[in-house]
PDB file of N, CA and C in Angstrom:
ATOM      1  N   MET A   1       0.829  -1.207   0.000  1.00  0.00           N
ATOM      2  CA  MET A   1       0.000   0.000   0.000  1.00  0.00           C
ATOM      3  C   MET A   1       0.864   1.259   0.000  1.00  0.00           C
ATOM      4  N   HIS A   2       2.096   1.160  -0.462  1.00  0.00           N
ATOM      5  CA  HIS A   2       2.971   2.306  -0.663  1.00  0.00           C
ATOM      6  C   HIS A   2       3.172   3.134   0.597  1.00  0.00           C
ATOM      7  N   GLY A   3       3.349   2.473   1.724  1.00  0.00           N
ATOM      8  CA  GLY A   3       3.701   3.158   2.955  1.00  0.00           C
ATOM      9  C   GLY A   3       2.567   3.910   3.633  1.00  0.00           C
ATOM     10  N   LEU A   4       1.336   3.635   3.249  1.00  0.00           N
ATOM     11  CA  LEU A   4       0.212   4.325   3.885  1.00  0.00           C
ATOM     12  C   LEU A   4      -0.054   3.806   5.295  1.00  0.00           C
ATOM     13  N   LEU A   5       0.288   2.561   5.545  1.00  0.00           N
ATOM     14  CA  LEU A   5       0.060   1.969   6.856  1.00  0.00           C
ATOM     15  C   LEU A   5       1.394   1.697   7.534  1.00  0.00           C
ATOM     16  N   SER A   6       1.409   1.878   8.854  1.00  0.00           N
ATOM     17  CA  SER A   6       2.630   1.594   9.603  1.00  0.00           C
ATOM     18  C   SER A   6       2.741   0.089   9.855  1.00  0.00           C
ATOM     19  N   ASP A   7       3.895  -0.328  10.361  1.00  0.00           N
ATOM     20  CA  ASP A   7       4.097  -1.753  10.664  1.00  0.00           C
ATOM     21  C   ASP A   7       3.116  -2.234  11.724  1.00  0.00           C
ATOM     22  N   ASP A   8       2.804  -1.356  12.707  1.00  0.00           N
ATOM     23  CA  ASP A   8       1.838  -1.722  13.741  1.00  0.00           C
ATOM     24  C   ASP A   8       0.460  -1.966  13.141  1.00  0.00           C
ATOM     25  N   ASP A   9       0.084  -1.132  12.165  1.00  0.00           N
ATOM     26  CA  ASP A   9      -1.215  -1.307  11.495  1.00  0.00           C
ATOM     27  C   ASP A   9      -1.264  -2.630  10.747  1.00  0.00           C
ATOM     28  N   LEU A  10      -0.169  -2.961  10.064  1.00  0.00           N
ATOM     29  CA  LEU A  10      -0.146  -4.199   9.276  1.00  0.00           C
ATOM     30  C   LEU A  10      -0.119  -5.443  10.151  1.00  0.00           C
ATOM     31  N   ASN A  11       0.334  -5.315  11.406  1.00  0.00           N
ATOM     32  CA  ASN A  11       0.334  -6.452  12.327  1.00  0.00           C
ATOM     33  C   ASN A  11      -1.017  -6.652  12.997  1.00  0.00           C
ATOM     34  N   ASN A  12      -1.900  -5.662  12.906  1.00  0.00           N
ATOM     35  CA  ASN A  12      -3.240  -5.754  13.476  1.00  0.00           C
ATOM     36  C   ASN A  12      -4.088  -6.671  12.591  1.00  0.00           C
ATOM     37  N   GLU A  13      -4.602  -7.754  13.169  1.00  0.00           N
ATOM     38  CA  GLU A  13      -5.351  -8.751  12.382  1.00  0.00           C
ATOM     39  C   GLU A  13      -6.607  -8.166  11.744  1.00  0.00           C
ATOM     40  N   GLY A  14      -7.315  -7.292  12.463  1.00  0.00           N
ATOM     41  CA  GLY A  14      -8.542  -6.701  11.910  1.00  0.00           C
ATOM     42  C   GLY A  14      -8.249  -5.852  10.686  1.00  0.00           C
ATOM     43  N   ILE A  15      -7.218  -5.024  10.785  1.00  0.00           N
ATOM     44  CA  ILE A  15      -6.839  -4.173   9.652  1.00  0.00           C
ATOM     45  C   ILE A  15      -6.336  -5.038   8.499  1.00  0.00           C
ATOM     46  N   LYS A  16      -5.590  -6.066   8.822  1.00  0.00           N
ATOM     47  CA  LYS A  16      -5.038  -6.959   7.787  1.00  0.00           C
ATOM     48  C   LYS A  16      -6.162  -7.646   7.006  1.00  0.00           C
ATOM     49  N   LYS A  17      -7.191  -8.136   7.717  1.00  0.00           N
ATOM     50  CA  LYS A  17      -8.320  -8.797   7.048  1.00  0.00           C
ATOM     51  C   LYS A  17      -9.108  -7.812   6.197  1.00  0.00           C
ATOM     52  N   ASP A  18      -9.347  -6.593   6.745  1.00  0.00           N
ATOM     53  CA  ASP A  18     -10.081  -5.579   5.989  1.00  0.00           C
ATOM     54  C   ASP A  18      -9.323  -5.186   4.726  1.00  0.00           C
ATOM     55  N   LEU A  19      -8.017  -5.024   4.845  1.00  0.00           N
ATOM     56  CA  LEU A  19      -7.200  -4.653   3.699  1.00  0.00           C
ATOM     57  C   LEU A  19      -7.230  -5.743   2.627  1.00  0.00           C
ATOM     58  N   GLU A  20      -7.160  -6.990   3.037  1.00  0.00           N
ATOM     59  CA  GLU A  20      -7.232  -8.095   2.070  1.00  0.00           C
ATOM     60  C   GLU A  20      -8.576  -8.107   1.350  1.00  0.00           C
ATOM     61  N   LYS A  21      -9.662  -7.858   2.091  1.00  0.00           N
ATOM     62  CA  LYS A  21     -10.992  -7.808   1.464  1.00  0.00           C
ATOM     63  C   LYS A  21     -11.069  -6.690   0.438  1.00  0.00           C
ATOM     64  N   ILE A  22     -10.566  -5.519   0.823  1.00  0.00           N
ATOM     65  CA  ILE A  22     -10.615  -4.361  -0.078  1.00  0.00           C
ATOM     66  C   ILE A  22      -9.816  -4.639  -1.339  1.00  0.00           C
ATOM     67  N   LEU A  23      -8.614  -5.171  -1.183  1.00  0.00           N
ATOM     68  CA  LEU A  23      -7.759  -5.406  -2.341  1.00  0.00           C
ATOM     69  C   LEU A  23      -8.285  -6.525  -3.241  1.00  0.00           C
ATOM     70  N   ARG A  24      -9.107  -7.409  -2.703  1.00  0.00           N
ATOM     71  CA  ARG A  24      -9.725  -8.462  -3.535  1.00  0.00           C
ATOM     72  C   ARG A  24     -10.938  -7.948  -4.287  1.00  0.00           C
ATOM     73  N   THR A  25     -11.692  -7.023  -3.687  1.00  0.00           N
ATOM     74  CA  THR A  25     -12.954  -6.595  -4.301  1.00  0.00           C
ATOM     75  C   THR A  25     -12.799  -5.425  -5.266  1.00  0.00           C
ATOM     76  N   ILE A  26     -11.825  -4.552  -5.070  1.00  0.00           N
ATOM     77  CA  ILE A  26     -11.697  -3.383  -5.947  1.00  0.00           C
ATOM     78  C   ILE A  26     -11.535  -3.779  -7.408  1.00  0.00           C
ATOM     79  N   PRO A  27     -10.657  -4.736  -7.753  1.00  0.00           N
ATOM     80  CA  PRO A  27     -10.554  -5.091  -9.184  1.00  0.00           C
ATOM     81  C   PRO A  27     -11.866  -5.597  -9.768  1.00  0.00           C
ATOM     82  N   SER A  28     -12.652  -6.336  -9.004  1.00  0.00           N
ATOM     83  CA  SER A  28     -13.914  -6.831  -9.546  1.00  0.00           C
ATOM     84  C   SER A  28     -14.902  -5.685  -9.760  1.00  0.00           C
ATOM     85  N   TYR A  29     -14.887  -4.672  -8.896  1.00  0.00           N
ATOM     86  CA  TYR A  29     -15.744  -3.505  -9.112  1.00  0.00           C
ATOM     87  C   TYR A  29     -15.374  -2.788 -10.402  1.00  0.00           C
ATOM     88  N   PHE A  30     -14.072  -2.670 -10.651  1.00  0.00           N
ATOM     89  CA  PHE A  30     -13.646  -2.007 -11.878  1.00  0.00           C
ATOM     90  C   PHE A  30     -13.979  -2.843 -13.104  1.00  0.00           C
ATOM     91  N   ASP A  31     -13.911  -4.152 -12.993  1.00  0.00           N
ATOM     92  CA  ASP A  31     -14.305  -5.019 -14.110  1.00  0.00           C
ATOM     93  C   ASP A  31     -15.779  -4.826 -14.433  1.00  0.00           C
ATOM     94  N   ILE A  32     -16.604  -4.762 -13.398  1.00  0.00           N
ATOM     95  CA  ILE A  32     -18.040  -4.553 -13.599  1.00  0.00           C
ATOM     96  C   ILE A  32     -18.297  -3.194 -14.235  1.00  0.00           C
ATOM     97  N   MET A  33     -17.632  -2.169 -13.715  1.00  0.00           N
ATOM     98  CA  MET A  33     -17.825  -0.824 -14.239  1.00  0.00           C
ATOM     99  C   MET A  33     -17.383  -0.741 -15.698  1.00  0.00           C
ATOM    100  N   LEU A  34     -16.260  -1.361 -16.014  1.00  0.00           N
ATOM    101  CA  LEU A  34     -15.763  -1.332 -17.379  1.00  0.00           C
ATOM    102  C   LEU A  34     -16.674  -2.110 -18.323  1.00  0.00           C
ATOM    103  N   SER A  35     -17.169  -3.254 -17.891  1.00  0.00           N
ATOM    104  CA  SER A  35     -18.064  -4.034 -18.760  1.00  0.00           C
ATOM    105  C   SER A  35     -19.379  -3.295 -19.000  1.00  0.00           C
ATOM    106  N   GLN A  36     -19.900  -2.618 -17.984  1.00  0.00           N
ATOM    107  CA  GLN A  36     -21.136  -1.853 -18.160  1.00  0.00           C
ATOM    108  C   GLN A  36     -20.912  -0.655 -19.084  1.00  0.00           C
ATOM    109  N   THR A  37     -19.759  -0.033 -18.967  1.00  0.00           N
ATOM    110  CA  THR A  37     -19.434   1.090 -19.847  1.00  0.00           C
ATOM    111  C   THR A  37     -19.327   0.618 -21.288  1.00  0.00           C
ATOM    112  N   MET A  38     -18.683  -0.528 -21.490  1.00  0.00           N
ATOM    113  CA  MET A  38     -18.577  -1.084 -22.841  1.00  0.00           C
ATOM    114  C   MET A  38     -19.959  -1.450 -23.388  1.00  0.00           C
ATOM    115  N   MET A  39     -20.824  -1.962 -22.529  1.00  0.00           N
ATOM    116  CA  MET A  39     -22.183  -2.304 -22.943  1.00  0.00           C
ATOM    117  C   MET A  39     -22.938  -1.045 -23.375  1.00  0.00           C
ATOM    118  N   LEU A  40     -22.798   0.048 -22.601  1.00  0.00           N
ATOM    119  CA  LEU A  40     -23.458   1.306 -22.971  1.00  0.00           C
ATOM    120  C   LEU A  40     -22.926   1.847 -24.299  1.00  0.00           C
ATOM    121  N   ALA A  41     -21.617   1.712 -24.519  1.00  0.00           N
ATOM    122  CA  ALA A  41     -21.036   2.174 -25.781  1.00  0.00           C
ATOM    123  C   ALA A  41     -21.617   1.389 -26.951  1.00  0.00           C
ATOM    124  N   GLN A  42     -21.748   0.081 -26.783  1.00  0.00           N
ATOM    125  CA  GLN A  42     -22.314  -0.755 -27.845  1.00  0.00           C
ATOM    126  C   GLN A  42     -23.788  -0.427 -28.070  1.00  0.00           C
ATOM    127  N   MET A  43     -24.523  -0.198 -26.994  1.00  0.00           N
ATOM    128  CA  MET A  43     -25.943   0.152 -27.137  1.00  0.00           C
ATOM    129  C   MET A  43     -26.108   1.488 -27.862  1.00  0.00           C
ATOM    130  N   TYR A  44     -25.197   2.447 -27.592  1.00  0.00           N
ATOM    131  CA  TYR A  44     -25.270   3.731 -28.283  1.00  0.00           C
ATOM    132  C   TYR A  44     -25.025   3.545 -29.778  1.00  0.00           C
ATOM    133  N   LYS A  45     -24.045   2.706 -30.122  1.00  0.00           N
ATOM    134  CA  LYS A  45     -23.743   2.458 -31.533  1.00  0.00           C
ATOM    135  C   LYS A  45     -24.924   1.831 -32.255  1.00  0.00           C
ATOM    136  N   MET A  46     -25.677   1.005 -31.526  1.00  0.00           N
ATOM    137  CA  MET A  46     -26.833   0.336 -32.122  1.00  0.00           C
ATOM    138  C   MET A  46     -28.080   1.213 -32.085  1.00  0.00           C
ATOM    139  N   GLY A  47     -27.991   2.407 -31.485  1.00  0.00           N
ATOM    140  CA  GLY A  47     -29.125   3.323 -31.417  1.00  0.00           C
ATOM    141  C   GLY A  47     -30.108   3.003 -30.311  1.00  0.00           C
ATOM    142  N   ARG A  48     -29.692   2.207 -29.334  1.00  0.00           N
ATOM    143  CA  ARG A  48     -30.600   1.812 -28.256  1.00  0.00           C
ATOM    144  C   ARG A  48     -30.380   2.611 -26.973  1.00  0.00           C
ATOM    145  N   SER A  49     -29.402   3.516 -26.958  1.00  0.00           N
ATOM    146  CA  SER A  49     -29.130   4.312 -25.764  1.00  0.00           C
ATOM    147  C   SER A  49     -28.798   5.745 -26.170  1.00  0.00           C
ATOM    148  N   PRO A  50     -29.347   6.728 -25.459  1.00  0.00           N
ATOM    149  CA  PRO A  50     -29.019   8.120 -25.772  1.00  0.00           C
ATOM    150  C   PRO A  50     -27.663   8.556 -25.195  1.00  0.00           C
ATOM    151  N   LYS A  51     -27.088   7.754 -24.304  1.00  0.00           N
ATOM    152  CA  LYS A  51     -25.833   8.114 -23.637  1.00  0.00           C
ATOM    153  C   LYS A  51     -24.643   7.724 -24.503  1.00  0.00           C
ATOM    154  N   LYS A  52     -23.875   8.727 -24.934  1.00  0.00           N
ATOM    155  CA  LYS A  52     -22.711   8.452 -25.776  1.00  0.00           C
ATOM    156  C   LYS A  52     -21.506   8.175 -24.878  1.00  0.00           C
ATOM    157  N   ILE A  53     -20.896   7.030 -25.078  1.00  0.00           N
ATOM    158  CA  ILE A  53     -19.690   6.629 -24.353  1.00  0.00           C
ATOM    159  C   ILE A  53     -18.549   6.624 -25.364  1.00  0.00           C
ATOM    160  N   THR A  54     -17.541   7.430 -25.095  1.00  0.00           N
ATOM    161  CA  THR A  54     -16.423   7.512 -26.025  1.00  0.00           C
ATOM    162  C   THR A  54     -15.279   6.613 -25.557  1.00  0.00           C
ATOM    163  N   ALA A  55     -14.325   6.423 -26.443  1.00  0.00           N
ATOM    164  CA  ALA A  55     -13.135   5.641 -26.084  1.00  0.00           C
ATOM    165  C   ALA A  55     -12.372   6.336 -24.964  1.00  0.00           C
ATOM    166  N   LYS A  56     -12.444   7.666 -24.925  1.00  0.00           N
ATOM    167  CA  LYS A  56     -11.762   8.412 -23.869  1.00  0.00           C
ATOM    168  C   LYS A  56     -12.343   8.057 -22.500  1.00  0.00           C
ATOM    169  N   ASN A  57     -13.668   7.890 -22.412  1.00  0.00           N
ATOM    170  CA  ASN A  57     -14.295   7.479 -21.152  1.00  0.00           C
ATOM    171  C   ASN A  57     -13.758   6.128 -20.691  1.00  0.00           C
ATOM    172  N   ILE A  58     -13.670   5.209 -21.614  1.00  0.00           N
ATOM    173  CA  ILE A  58     -13.212   3.855 -21.285  1.00  0.00           C
ATOM    174  C   ILE A  58     -11.741   3.875 -20.882  1.00  0.00           C
ATOM    175  N   MET A  59     -10.915   4.612 -21.615  1.00  0.00           N
ATOM    176  CA  MET A  59      -9.492   4.697 -21.284  1.00  0.00           C
ATOM    177  C   MET A  59      -9.274   5.371 -19.932  1.00  0.00           C
ATOM    178  N   THR A  60     -10.124   6.343 -19.596  1.00  0.00           N
ATOM    179  CA  THR A  60     -10.021   7.008 -18.293  1.00  0.00           C
ATOM    180  C   THR A  60     -10.303   6.015 -17.172  1.00  0.00           C
ATOM    181  N   LEU A  61     -11.317   5.172 -17.352  1.00  0.00           N
ATOM    182  CA  LEU A  61     -11.616   4.145 -16.347  1.00  0.00           C
ATOM    183  C   LEU A  61     -10.458   3.166 -16.180  1.00  0.00           C
ATOM    184  N   ILE A  62      -9.875   2.738 -17.287  1.00  0.00           N
ATOM    185  CA  ILE A  62      -8.752   1.798 -17.222  1.00  0.00           C
ATOM    186  C   ILE A  62      -7.561   2.447 -16.525  1.00  0.00           C
ATOM    187  N   GLN A  63      -7.252   3.699 -16.903  1.00  0.00           N
ATOM    188  CA  GLN A  63      -6.112   4.396 -16.312  1.00  0.00           C
ATOM    189  C   GLN A  63      -6.328   4.623 -14.819  1.00  0.00           C
ATOM    190  N   PHE A  64      -7.550   4.993 -14.433  1.00  0.00           N
ATOM    191  CA  PHE A  64      -7.837   5.216 -13.021  1.00  0.00           C
ATOM    192  C   PHE A  64      -7.665   3.931 -12.218  1.00  0.00           C
ATOM    193  N   SER A  65      -8.157   2.818 -12.751  1.00  0.00           N
ATOM    194  CA  SER A  65      -8.037   1.560 -12.016  1.00  0.00           C
ATOM    195  C   SER A  65      -6.573   1.136 -11.903  1.00  0.00           C
ATOM    196  N   GLN A  66      -5.784   1.367 -12.956  1.00  0.00           N
ATOM    197  CA  GLN A  66      -4.365   1.034 -12.880  1.00  0.00           C
ATOM    198  C   GLN A  66      -3.648   1.918 -11.870  1.00  0.00           C
ATOM    199  N   ASN A  67      -3.946   3.208 -11.874  1.00  0.00           N
ATOM    200  CA  ASN A  67      -3.320   4.117 -10.912  1.00  0.00           C
ATOM    201  C   ASN A  67      -3.692   3.761  -9.486  1.00  0.00           C
ATOM    202  N   LEU A  68      -4.934   3.363  -9.281  1.00  0.00           N
ATOM    203  CA  LEU A  68      -5.375   3.004  -7.940  1.00  0.00           C
ATOM    204  C   LEU A  68      -4.646   1.764  -7.441  1.00  0.00           C
ATOM    205  N   MET A  69      -4.544   0.754  -8.279  1.00  0.00           N
ATOM    206  CA  MET A  69      -3.925  -0.500  -7.852  1.00  0.00           C
ATOM    207  C   MET A  69      -2.401  -0.417  -7.779  1.00  0.00           C
ATOM    208  N   GLN A  70      -1.789   0.463  -8.567  1.00  0.00           N
ATOM    209  CA  GLN A  70      -0.332   0.535  -8.610  1.00  0.00           C
ATOM    210  C   GLN A  70       0.226   1.725  -7.848  1.00  0.00           C
ATOM    211  N   GLY A  71      -0.640   2.502  -7.208  1.00  0.00           N
ATOM    212  CA  GLY A  71      -0.158   3.663  -6.456  1.00  0.00           C
ATOM    213  C   GLY A  71       0.294   4.783  -7.362  1.00  0.00           C
ATOM    214  N   GLY A  72      -0.373   4.987  -8.475  1.00  0.00           N
ATOM    215  CA  GLY A  72       0.019   6.018  -9.439  1.00  0.00           C
ATOM    216  C   GLY A  72      -0.081   7.426  -8.919  1.00  0.00           C
ATOM    217  N   TRP A  73      -0.855   7.637  -7.873  1.00  0.00           N
ATOM    218  CA  TRP A  73      -0.954   8.981  -7.309  1.00  0.00           C
ATOM    219  C   TRP A  73       0.290   9.319  -6.495  1.00  0.00           C
ATOM    220  N   ILE A  74       1.055   8.313  -6.100  1.00  0.00           N
ATOM    221  CA  ILE A  74       2.276   8.537  -5.323  1.00  0.00           C
ATOM    222  C   ILE A  74       3.484   8.490  -6.241  1.00  0.00           C
ATOM    223  N   ASN A  75       3.582   7.458  -7.041  1.00  0.00           N
ATOM    224  CA  ASN A  75       4.721   7.244  -7.940  1.00  0.00           C
ATOM    225  C   ASN A  75       4.294   7.572  -9.361  1.00  0.00           C
ATOM    226  N   LYS A  76       4.616   8.775  -9.807  1.00  0.00           N
ATOM    227  CA  LYS A  76       4.183   9.208 -11.136  1.00  0.00           C
ATOM    228  C   LYS A  76       4.970   8.544 -12.256  1.00  0.00           C
ATOM    229  N   ASP A  77       6.190   8.121 -11.973  1.00  0.00           N
ATOM    230  CA  ASP A  77       7.040   7.528 -12.994  1.00  0.00           C
ATOM    231  C   ASP A  77       6.624   6.082 -13.264  1.00  0.00           C
ATOM    232  N   PRO A  78       6.346   5.721 -14.529  1.00  0.00           N
ATOM    233  CA  PRO A  78       5.949   4.346 -14.826  1.00  0.00           C
ATOM    234  C   PRO A  78       7.000   3.312 -14.430  1.00  0.00           C
ATOM    235  N   TYR A  79       8.288   3.682 -14.459  1.00  0.00           N
ATOM    236  CA  TYR A  79       9.324   2.731 -14.052  1.00  0.00           C
ATOM    237  C   TYR A  79       9.194   2.360 -12.575  1.00  0.00           C
ATOM    238  N   SER A  80       8.549   3.197 -11.779  1.00  0.00           N
ATOM    239  CA  SER A  80       8.400   2.899 -10.352  1.00  0.00           C
ATOM    240  C   SER A  80       7.439   1.744 -10.112  1.00  0.00           C
ATOM    241  N   GLN A  81       6.751   1.289 -11.170  1.00  0.00           N
ATOM    242  CA  GLN A  81       5.878   0.127 -11.041  1.00  0.00           C
ATOM    243  C   GLN A  81       6.685  -1.158 -10.939  1.00  0.00           C
ATOM    244  N   LEU A  82       7.933  -1.104 -11.378  1.00  0.00           N
ATOM    245  CA  LEU A  82       8.788  -2.285 -11.314  1.00  0.00           C
ATOM    246  C   LEU A  82       9.186  -2.545  -9.863  1.00  0.00           C
ATOM    247  N   PRO A  83       9.338  -3.804  -9.481  1.00  0.00           N
ATOM    248  CA  PRO A  83       9.668  -4.113  -8.089  1.00  0.00           C
ATOM    249  C   PRO A  83      11.021  -3.536  -7.684  1.00  0.00           C
ATOM    250  N   ASN A  84      11.087  -3.013  -6.466  1.00  0.00           N
ATOM    251  CA  ASN A  84      12.314  -2.474  -5.854  1.00  0.00           C
ATOM    252  C   ASN A  84      12.902  -1.300  -6.623  1.00  0.00           C
ATOM    253  N   PHE A  85      12.080  -0.533  -7.326  1.00  0.00           N
ATOM    254  CA  PHE A  85      12.550   0.642  -8.039  1.00  0.00           C
ATOM    255  C   PHE A  85      12.144   1.888  -7.279  1.00  0.00           C
ATOM    256  N   GLY A  86      13.149   2.626  -6.829  1.00  0.00           N
ATOM    257  CA  GLY A  86      12.923   3.919  -6.190  1.00  0.00           C
ATOM    258  C   GLY A  86      13.258   5.032  -7.162  1.00  0.00           C
ATOM    259  N   ASP A  87      13.347   6.259  -6.655  1.00  0.00           N
ATOM    260  CA  ASP A  87      13.634   7.406  -7.517  1.00  0.00           C
ATOM    261  C   ASP A  87      15.012   7.301  -8.177  1.00  0.00           C
ATOM    262  N   ASN A  88      16.012   6.859  -7.406  1.00  0.00           N
ATOM    263  CA  ASN A  88      17.371   6.761  -7.963  1.00  0.00           C
ATOM    264  C   ASN A  88      17.445   5.714  -9.071  1.00  0.00           C
ATOM    265  N   GLU A  89      16.814   4.576  -8.857  1.00  0.00           N
ATOM    266  CA  GLU A  89      16.827   3.514  -9.875  1.00  0.00           C
ATOM    267  C   GLU A  89      16.098   3.964 -11.144  1.00  0.00           C
ATOM    268  N   CYS A  90      14.982   4.658 -10.968  1.00  0.00           N
ATOM    269  CA  CYS A  90      14.226   5.156 -12.127  1.00  0.00           C
ATOM    270  C   CYS A  90      15.072   6.131 -12.935  1.00  0.00           C
ATOM    271  N   LEU A  91      15.793   7.009 -12.238  1.00  0.00           N
ATOM    272  CA  LEU A  91      16.637   7.983 -12.921  1.00  0.00           C
ATOM    273  C   LEU A  91      17.753   7.291 -13.704  1.00  0.00           C
ATOM    274  N   ARG A  92      18.404   6.296 -13.096  1.00  0.00           N
ATOM    275  CA  ARG A  92      19.480   5.576 -13.780  1.00  0.00           C
ATOM    276  C   ARG A  92      18.963   4.809 -14.993  1.00  0.00           C
ATOM    277  N   VAL A  93      17.786   4.186 -14.864  1.00  0.00           N
ATOM    278  CA  VAL A  93      17.217   3.441 -15.995  1.00  0.00           C
ATOM    279  C   VAL A  93      16.881   4.384 -17.138  1.00  0.00           C
ATOM    280  N   LYS A  94      16.318   5.543 -16.830  1.00  0.00           N
ATOM    281  CA  LYS A  94      15.984   6.515 -17.883  1.00  0.00           C
ATOM    282  C   LYS A  94      17.237   6.966 -18.619  1.00  0.00           C
ATOM    283  N   GLN A  95      18.320   7.163 -17.882  1.00  0.00           N
ATOM    284  CA  GLN A  95      19.565   7.585 -18.522  1.00  0.00           C
ATOM    285  C   GLN A  95      20.095   6.483 -19.439  1.00  0.00           C
ATOM    286  N   LYS A  96      20.042   5.243 -18.985  1.00  0.00           N
ATOM    287  CA  LYS A  96      20.538   4.122 -19.803  1.00  0.00           C
ATOM    288  C   LYS A  96      19.652   3.864 -21.015  1.00  0.00           C
ATOM    289  N   MET A  97      18.354   4.102 -20.871  1.00  0.00           N
ATOM    290  CA  MET A  97      17.410   3.829 -21.960  1.00  0.00           C
ATOM    291  C   MET A  97      17.281   5.003 -22.931  1.00  0.00           C
ATOM    292  N   HIS A  98      18.046   6.053 -22.705  1.00  0.00           N
ATOM    293  CA  HIS A  98      18.044   7.222 -23.589  1.00  0.00           C
ATOM    294  C   HIS A  98      16.645   7.805 -23.776  1.00  0.00           C
ATOM    295  N   GLY A  99      15.921   7.928 -22.673  1.00  0.00           N
ATOM    296  CA  GLY A  99      14.615   8.586 -22.700  1.00  0.00           C
ATOM    297  C   GLY A  99      13.452   7.717 -23.139  1.00  0.00           C
ATOM    298  N   LYS A 100      13.667   6.420 -23.333  1.00  0.00           N
ATOM    299  CA  LYS A 100      12.549   5.541 -23.718  1.00  0.00           C
ATOM    300  C   LYS A 100      11.582   5.402 -22.545  1.00  0.00           C
ATOM    301  N   THR A 101      10.306   5.297 -22.865  1.00  0.00           N
ATOM    302  CA  THR A 101       9.301   5.081 -21.836  1.00  0.00           C
ATOM    303  C   THR A 101       9.257   3.600 -21.478  1.00  0.00           C
ATOM    304  N   LEU A 102       8.549   3.278 -20.412  1.00  0.00           N
ATOM    305  CA  LEU A 102       8.395   1.878 -20.010  1.00  0.00           C
ATOM    306  C   LEU A 102       7.695   1.085 -21.108  1.00  0.00           C
ATOM    307  N   PHE A 103       6.698   1.685 -21.749  1.00  0.00           N
ATOM    308  CA  PHE A 103       5.987   1.018 -22.840  1.00  0.00           C
ATOM    309  C   PHE A 103       6.935   0.731 -24.003  1.00  0.00           C
ATOM    310  N   GLN A 104       7.757   1.719 -24.378  1.00  0.00           N
ATOM    311  CA  GLN A 104       8.704   1.525 -25.478  1.00  0.00           C
ATOM    312  C   GLN A 104       9.713   0.430 -25.129  1.00  0.00           C
ATOM    313  N   TYR A 105      10.141   0.401 -23.880  1.00  0.00           N
ATOM    314  CA  TYR A 105      11.078  -0.637 -23.442  1.00  0.00           C
ATOM    315  C   TYR A 105      10.442  -2.016 -23.558  1.00  0.00           C
ATOM    316  N   CYS A 106       9.181  -2.137 -23.123  1.00  0.00           N
ATOM    317  CA  CYS A 106       8.487  -3.432 -23.175  1.00  0.00           C
ATOM    318  C   CYS A 106       8.270  -3.887 -24.621  1.00  0.00           C
ATOM    319  N   MET A 107       8.178  -2.956 -25.542  1.00  0.00           N
ATOM    320  CA  MET A 107       7.934  -3.292 -26.946  1.00  0.00           C
ATOM    321  C   MET A 107       9.212  -3.681 -27.691  1.00  0.00           C
ATOM    322  N   LEU A 108      10.383  -3.532 -27.054  1.00  0.00           N
ATOM    323  CA  LEU A 108      11.648  -3.897 -27.718  1.00  0.00           C
ATOM    324  C   LEU A 108      11.689  -5.386 -28.010  1.00  0.00           C
TER     325      LEU A 108
END
């Protein structure tokens, strides 16, 4: 959880169980929300819904869910998603990769 909870909090069984429940259910909520959004987009294309859903709406939902699960509000750098990568490691990788993004690196 990116340092939001102290070690004492993580040792508390009640907090630990609640955190596990939350982390298990959030992805399923986003799956439901995304599937319903896709359904509305398809219904609009078929003329069965007045609500227009654009690709931007869908991409915003995907990006928000990824940021929520990966701590994107804390670590803005995509390289920080890699395990054991701090600010110094991200800076060194960017220098070695000559400015390539994480996506460009994965596509090599």
